[in-house]
């Protein structure tokens, strides 16, 4: 299951993008593709244990 704070957006306030980019609502920022791998629980990574943004937002 993907992180509940992960969204994909194709624009921000000033720009539009050709492809959707990973956006973390826990920190209100676009994140790098490698970070999105954690958000999507890829490569034996898990957002509940491996993402400090998620853990802080959840108070863990």
PDB file of N, CA and C in Angstrom:
ATOM      1  N   UNK A   1       0.844  -1.180   0.000  1.00  0.00           N
ATOM      2  CA  UNK A   1       0.000   0.000   0.000  1.00  0.00           C
ATOM      3  C   UNK A   1       0.890   1.244   0.000  1.00  0.00           C
ATOM      4  N   UNK A   2       0.606   2.165  -0.844  1.00  0.00           N
ATOM      5  CA  UNK A   2       1.389   3.398  -0.950  1.00  0.00           C
ATOM      6  C   UNK A   2       1.102   4.326   0.229  1.00  0.00           C
ATOM      7  N   UNK A   3       2.020   5.211   0.460  1.00  0.00           N
ATOM      8  CA  UNK A   3       1.876   6.194   1.533  1.00  0.00           C
ATOM      9  C   UNK A   3       0.643   7.067   1.287  1.00  0.00           C
ATOM     10  N   UNK A   4      -0.146   7.322   2.320  1.00  0.00           N
ATOM     11  CA  UNK A   4      -1.333   8.165   2.145  1.00  0.00           C
ATOM     12  C   UNK A   4      -0.989   9.636   1.887  1.00  0.00           C
ATOM     13  N   UNK A   5       0.253  10.029   2.128  1.00  0.00           N
ATOM     14  CA  UNK A   5       0.674  11.413   1.897  1.00  0.00           C
ATOM     15  C   UNK A   5       1.213  11.642   0.487  1.00  0.00           C
ATOM     16  N   UNK A   6       1.298  10.591  -0.318  1.00  0.00           N
ATOM     17  CA  UNK A   6       1.834  10.709  -1.673  1.00  0.00           C
ATOM     18  C   UNK A   6       0.731  11.053  -2.664  1.00  0.00           C
ATOM     19  N   UNK A   7       1.001  12.064  -3.468  1.00  0.00           N
ATOM     20  CA  UNK A   7       0.127  12.439  -4.582  1.00  0.00           C
ATOM     21  C   UNK A   7       1.003  12.631  -5.810  1.00  0.00           C
ATOM     22  N   UNK A   8       0.396  12.581  -6.966  1.00  0.00           N
ATOM     23  CA  UNK A   8       1.105  12.916  -8.200  1.00  0.00           C
ATOM     24  C   UNK A   8       0.418  14.129  -8.797  1.00  0.00           C
ATOM     25  N   UNK A   9       1.217  15.153  -9.079  1.00  0.00           N
ATOM     26  CA  UNK A   9       0.674  16.406  -9.602  1.00  0.00           C
ATOM     27  C   UNK A   9       1.376  16.778 -10.901  1.00  0.00           C
ATOM     28  N   UNK A  10       0.628  17.419 -11.783  1.00  0.00           N
ATOM     29  CA  UNK A  10       1.224  17.841 -13.048  1.00  0.00           C
ATOM     30  C   UNK A  10       1.447  19.347 -13.117  1.00  0.00           C
ATOM     31  N   UNK A  11       1.333  20.025 -11.961  1.00  0.00           N
ATOM     32  CA  UNK A  11       1.560  21.467 -11.922  1.00  0.00           C
ATOM     33  C   UNK A  11       1.762  21.921 -10.480  1.00  0.00           C
ATOM     34  N   UNK A  12       2.376  23.097 -10.349  1.00  0.00           N
ATOM     35  CA  UNK A  12       2.391  23.780  -9.062  1.00  0.00           C
ATOM     36  C   UNK A  12       1.826  25.178  -9.299  1.00  0.00           C
ATOM     37  N   UNK A  13       2.013  26.084  -8.372  1.00  0.00           N
ATOM     38  CA  UNK A  13       1.420  27.415  -8.511  1.00  0.00           C
ATOM     39  C   UNK A  13       1.950  28.173  -9.725  1.00  0.00           C
ATOM     40  N   UNK A  14       3.206  27.911 -10.103  1.00  0.00           N
ATOM     41  CA  UNK A  14       3.837  28.697 -11.158  1.00  0.00           C
ATOM     42  C   UNK A  14       4.126  27.934 -12.448  1.00  0.00           C
ATOM     43  N   UNK A  15       4.119  26.606 -12.404  1.00  0.00           N
ATOM     44  CA  UNK A  15       4.543  25.822 -13.561  1.00  0.00           C
ATOM     45  C   UNK A  15       3.601  24.655 -13.818  1.00  0.00           C
ATOM     46  N   UNK A  16       3.557  24.241 -15.071  1.00  0.00           N
ATOM     47  CA  UNK A  16       2.912  22.971 -15.396  1.00  0.00           C
ATOM     48  C   UNK A  16       3.997  22.052 -15.949  1.00  0.00           C
ATOM     49  N   UNK A  17       3.832  20.745 -15.744  1.00  0.00           N
ATOM     50  CA  UNK A  17       4.838  19.771 -16.123  1.00  0.00           C
ATOM     51  C   UNK A  17       4.287  18.852 -17.205  1.00  0.00           C
ATOM     52  N   UNK A  18       5.184  18.303 -18.003  1.00  0.00           N
ATOM     53  CA  UNK A  18       4.781  17.363 -19.052  1.00  0.00           C
ATOM     54  C   UNK A  18       4.287  16.050 -18.461  1.00  0.00           C
ATOM     55  N   UNK A  19       4.873  15.643 -17.355  1.00  0.00           N
ATOM     56  CA  UNK A  19       4.473  14.405 -16.679  1.00  0.00           C
ATOM     57  C   UNK A  19       4.220  14.702 -15.208  1.00  0.00           C
ATOM     58  N   UNK A  20       3.424  13.875 -14.589  1.00  0.00           N
ATOM     59  CA  UNK A  20       3.130  14.060 -13.168  1.00  0.00           C
ATOM     60  C   UNK A  20       4.377  13.812 -12.329  1.00  0.00           C
ATOM     61  N   UNK A  21       4.499  14.546 -11.239  1.00  0.00           N
ATOM     62  CA  UNK A  21       5.625  14.417 -10.325  1.00  0.00           C
ATOM     63  C   UNK A  21       5.111  14.056  -8.938  1.00  0.00           C
ATOM     64  N   UNK A  22       5.952  13.336  -8.216  1.00  0.00           N
ATOM     65  CA  UNK A  22       5.590  12.907  -6.864  1.00  0.00           C
ATOM     66  C   UNK A  22       5.566  14.117  -5.931  1.00  0.00           C
ATOM     67  N   UNK A  23       4.488  14.215  -5.154  1.00  0.00           N
ATOM     68  CA  UNK A  23       4.305  15.321  -4.210  1.00  0.00           C
ATOM     69  C   UNK A  23       3.948  14.735  -2.857  1.00  0.00           C
ATOM     70  N   UNK A  24       4.659  15.170  -1.826  1.00  0.00           N
ATOM     71  CA  UNK A  24       4.408  14.698  -0.462  1.00  0.00           C
ATOM     72  C   UNK A  24       3.588  15.742   0.283  1.00  0.00           C
ATOM     73  N   UNK A  25       2.370  15.390   0.658  1.00  0.00           N
ATOM     74  CA  UNK A  25       1.522  16.337   1.382  1.00  0.00           C
ATOM     75  C   UNK A  25       1.938  16.476   2.840  1.00  0.00           C
ATOM     76  N   UNK A  26       2.756  15.552   3.347  1.00  0.00           N
ATOM     77  CA  UNK A  26       3.240  15.665   4.728  1.00  0.00           C
ATOM     78  C   UNK A  26       4.190  16.844   4.880  1.00  0.00           C
ATOM     79  N   UNK A  27       4.941  17.159   3.819  1.00  0.00           N
ATOM     80  CA  UNK A  27       5.887  18.274   3.866  1.00  0.00           C
ATOM     81  C   UNK A  27       5.540  19.359   2.846  1.00  0.00           C
ATOM     82  N   UNK A  28       4.423  19.181   2.135  1.00  0.00           N
ATOM     83  CA  UNK A  28       3.971  20.134   1.116  1.00  0.00           C
ATOM     84  C   UNK A  28       5.075  20.484   0.129  1.00  0.00           C
ATOM     85  N   UNK A  29       5.661  19.428  -0.472  1.00  0.00           N
ATOM     86  CA  UNK A  29       6.749  19.640  -1.425  1.00  0.00           C
ATOM     87  C   UNK A  29       6.814  18.486  -2.420  1.00  0.00           C
ATOM     88  N   UNK A  30       7.322  18.805  -3.599  1.00  0.00           N
ATOM     89  CA  UNK A  30       7.629  17.752  -4.557  1.00  0.00           C
ATOM     90  C   UNK A  30       8.840  16.992  -4.039  1.00  0.00           C
ATOM     91  N   UNK A  31       8.873  15.697  -4.298  1.00  0.00           N
ATOM     92  CA  UNK A  31       9.979  14.865  -3.829  1.00  0.00           C
ATOM     93  C   UNK A  31      10.654  14.173  -5.005  1.00  0.00           C
ATOM     94  N   UNK A  32      11.886  13.791  -4.789  1.00  0.00           N
ATOM     95  CA  UNK A  32      12.679  13.113  -5.806  1.00  0.00           C
ATOM     96  C   UNK A  32      12.096  11.732  -6.106  1.00  0.00           C
ATOM     97  N   UNK A  33      12.338  11.213  -7.308  1.00  0.00           N
ATOM     98  CA  UNK A  33      11.844   9.872  -7.648  1.00  0.00           C
ATOM     99  C   UNK A  33      12.302   8.782  -6.678  1.00  0.00           C
ATOM    100  N   UNK A  34      13.521   8.883  -6.164  1.00  0.00           N
ATOM    101  CA  UNK A  34      13.982   7.876  -5.198  1.00  0.00           C
ATOM    102  C   UNK A  34      13.151   7.927  -3.918  1.00  0.00           C
ATOM    103  N   UNK A  35      12.729   9.099  -3.514  1.00  0.00           N
ATOM    104  CA  UNK A  35      11.864   9.239  -2.343  1.00  0.00           C
ATOM    105  C   UNK A  35      10.516   8.595  -2.640  1.00  0.00           C
ATOM    106  N   UNK A  36      10.008   8.783  -3.850  1.00  0.00           N
ATOM    107  CA  UNK A  36       8.726   8.181  -4.227  1.00  0.00           C
ATOM    108  C   UNK A  36       8.795   6.662  -4.205  1.00  0.00           C
ATOM    109  N   UNK A  37       9.986   6.090  -4.436  1.00  0.00           N
ATOM    110  CA  UNK A  37      10.142   4.639  -4.312  1.00  0.00           C
ATOM    111  C   UNK A  37       9.830   4.195  -2.888  1.00  0.00           C
ATOM    112  N   UNK A  38      10.258   4.972  -1.905  1.00  0.00           N
ATOM    113  CA  UNK A  38       9.931   4.656  -0.506  1.00  0.00           C
ATOM    114  C   UNK A  38       8.425   4.803  -0.299  1.00  0.00           C
ATOM    115  N   UNK A  39       7.853   5.878  -0.823  1.00  0.00           N
ATOM    116  CA  UNK A  39       6.416   6.130  -0.680  1.00  0.00           C
ATOM    117  C   UNK A  39       5.579   4.990  -1.256  1.00  0.00           C
ATOM    118  N   UNK A  40       6.075   4.397  -2.326  1.00  0.00           N
ATOM    119  CA  UNK A  40       5.357   3.311  -2.997  1.00  0.00           C
ATOM    120  C   UNK A  40       5.783   1.933  -2.514  1.00  0.00           C
ATOM    121  N   UNK A  41       6.576   1.873  -1.456  1.00  0.00           N
ATOM    122  CA  UNK A  41       7.028   0.610  -0.845  1.00  0.00           C
ATOM    123  C   UNK A  41       7.747  -0.295  -1.841  1.00  0.00           C
ATOM    124  N   UNK A  42       8.572   0.287  -2.671  1.00  0.00           N
ATOM    125  CA  UNK A  42       9.355  -0.489  -3.639  1.00  0.00           C
ATOM    126  C   UNK A  42      10.685  -0.917  -3.022  1.00  0.00           C
ATOM    127  N   UNK A  43      11.291  -1.944  -3.604  1.00  0.00           N
ATOM    128  CA  UNK A  43      12.649  -2.390  -3.264  1.00  0.00           C
ATOM    129  C   UNK A  43      12.808  -2.724  -1.780  1.00  0.00           C
ATOM    130  N   UNK A  44      11.828  -3.380  -1.207  1.00  0.00           N
ATOM    131  CA  UNK A  44      11.846  -3.750   0.214  1.00  0.00           C
ATOM    132  C   UNK A  44      11.926  -2.546   1.148  1.00  0.00           C
ATOM    133  N   UNK A  45      11.509  -1.386   0.687  1.00  0.00           N
ATOM    134  CA  UNK A  45      11.403  -0.194   1.528  1.00  0.00           C
ATOM    135  C   UNK A  45       9.940  -0.037   1.928  1.00  0.00           C
ATOM    136  N   UNK A  46       9.706   0.535   3.088  1.00  0.00           N
ATOM    137  CA  UNK A  46       8.343   0.710   3.589  1.00  0.00           C
ATOM    138  C   UNK A  46       8.208   2.108   4.182  1.00  0.00           C
ATOM    139  N   UNK A  47       7.224   2.838   3.698  1.00  0.00           N
ATOM    140  CA  UNK A  47       7.080   4.219   4.151  1.00  0.00           C
ATOM    141  C   UNK A  47       6.876   4.321   5.659  1.00  0.00           C
ATOM    142  N   UNK A  48       6.245   3.317   6.279  1.00  0.00           N
ATOM    143  CA  UNK A  48       5.996   3.373   7.724  1.00  0.00           C
ATOM    144  C   UNK A  48       7.284   3.352   8.545  1.00  0.00           C
ATOM    145  N   UNK A  49       8.317   2.705   8.029  1.00  0.00           N
ATOM    146  CA  UNK A  49       9.566   2.570   8.785  1.00  0.00           C
ATOM    147  C   UNK A  49      10.735   3.317   8.165  1.00  0.00           C
ATOM    148  N   UNK A  50      10.700   3.581   6.855  1.00  0.00           N
ATOM    149  CA  UNK A  50      11.861   4.144   6.165  1.00  0.00           C
ATOM    150  C   UNK A  50      11.730   5.616   5.787  1.00  0.00           C
ATOM    151  N   UNK A  51      10.598   6.224   6.024  1.00  0.00           N
ATOM    152  CA  UNK A  51      10.404   7.625   5.630  1.00  0.00           C
ATOM    153  C   UNK A  51      10.228   8.515   6.859  1.00  0.00           C
ATOM    154  N   UNK A  52      11.177   9.408   7.042  1.00  0.00           N
ATOM    155  CA  UNK A  52      11.087  10.321   8.188  1.00  0.00           C
ATOM    156  C   UNK A  52       9.938  11.310   8.045  1.00  0.00           C
ATOM    157  N   UNK A  53       9.544  11.659   6.812  1.00  0.00           N
ATOM    158  CA  UNK A  53       8.411  12.566   6.618  1.00  0.00           C
ATOM    159  C   UNK A  53       7.119  11.920   7.124  1.00  0.00           C
ATOM    160  N   UNK A  54       6.901  10.667   6.757  1.00  0.00           N
ATOM    161  CA  UNK A  54       5.715   9.934   7.201  1.00  0.00           C
ATOM    162  C   UNK A  54       5.728   9.782   8.718  1.00  0.00           C
ATOM    163  N   UNK A  55       6.859   9.350   9.258  1.00  0.00           N
ATOM    164  CA  UNK A  55       6.948   9.095  10.694  1.00  0.00           C
ATOM    165  C   UNK A  55       6.686  10.374  11.496  1.00  0.00           C
ATOM    166  N   UNK A  56       7.220  11.494  11.046  1.00  0.00           N
ATOM    167  CA  UNK A  56       6.989  12.756  11.750  1.00  0.00           C
ATOM    168  C   UNK A  56       5.525  13.173  11.657  1.00  0.00           C
ATOM    169  N   UNK A  57       4.933  13.044  10.476  1.00  0.00           N
ATOM    170  CA  UNK A  57       3.525  13.420  10.292  1.00  0.00           C
ATOM    171  C   UNK A  57       2.598  12.562  11.141  1.00  0.00           C
ATOM    172  N   UNK A  58       2.972  11.298  11.335  1.00  0.00           N
ATOM    173  CA  UNK A  58       2.163  10.373  12.126  1.00  0.00           C
ATOM    174  C   UNK A  58       2.505  10.416  13.615  1.00  0.00           C
ATOM    175  N   UNK A  59       3.516  11.192  13.979  1.00  0.00           N
ATOM    176  CA  UNK A  59       3.913  11.282  15.381  1.00  0.00           C
ATOM    177  C   UNK A  59       4.613  10.040  15.889  1.00  0.00           C
ATOM    178  N   UNK A  60       5.327   9.345  15.010  1.00  0.00           N
ATOM    179  CA  UNK A  60       6.021   8.111  15.401  1.00  0.00           C
ATOM    180  C   UNK A  60       7.466   8.379  15.773  1.00  0.00           C
TER     181      UNK A  60
END
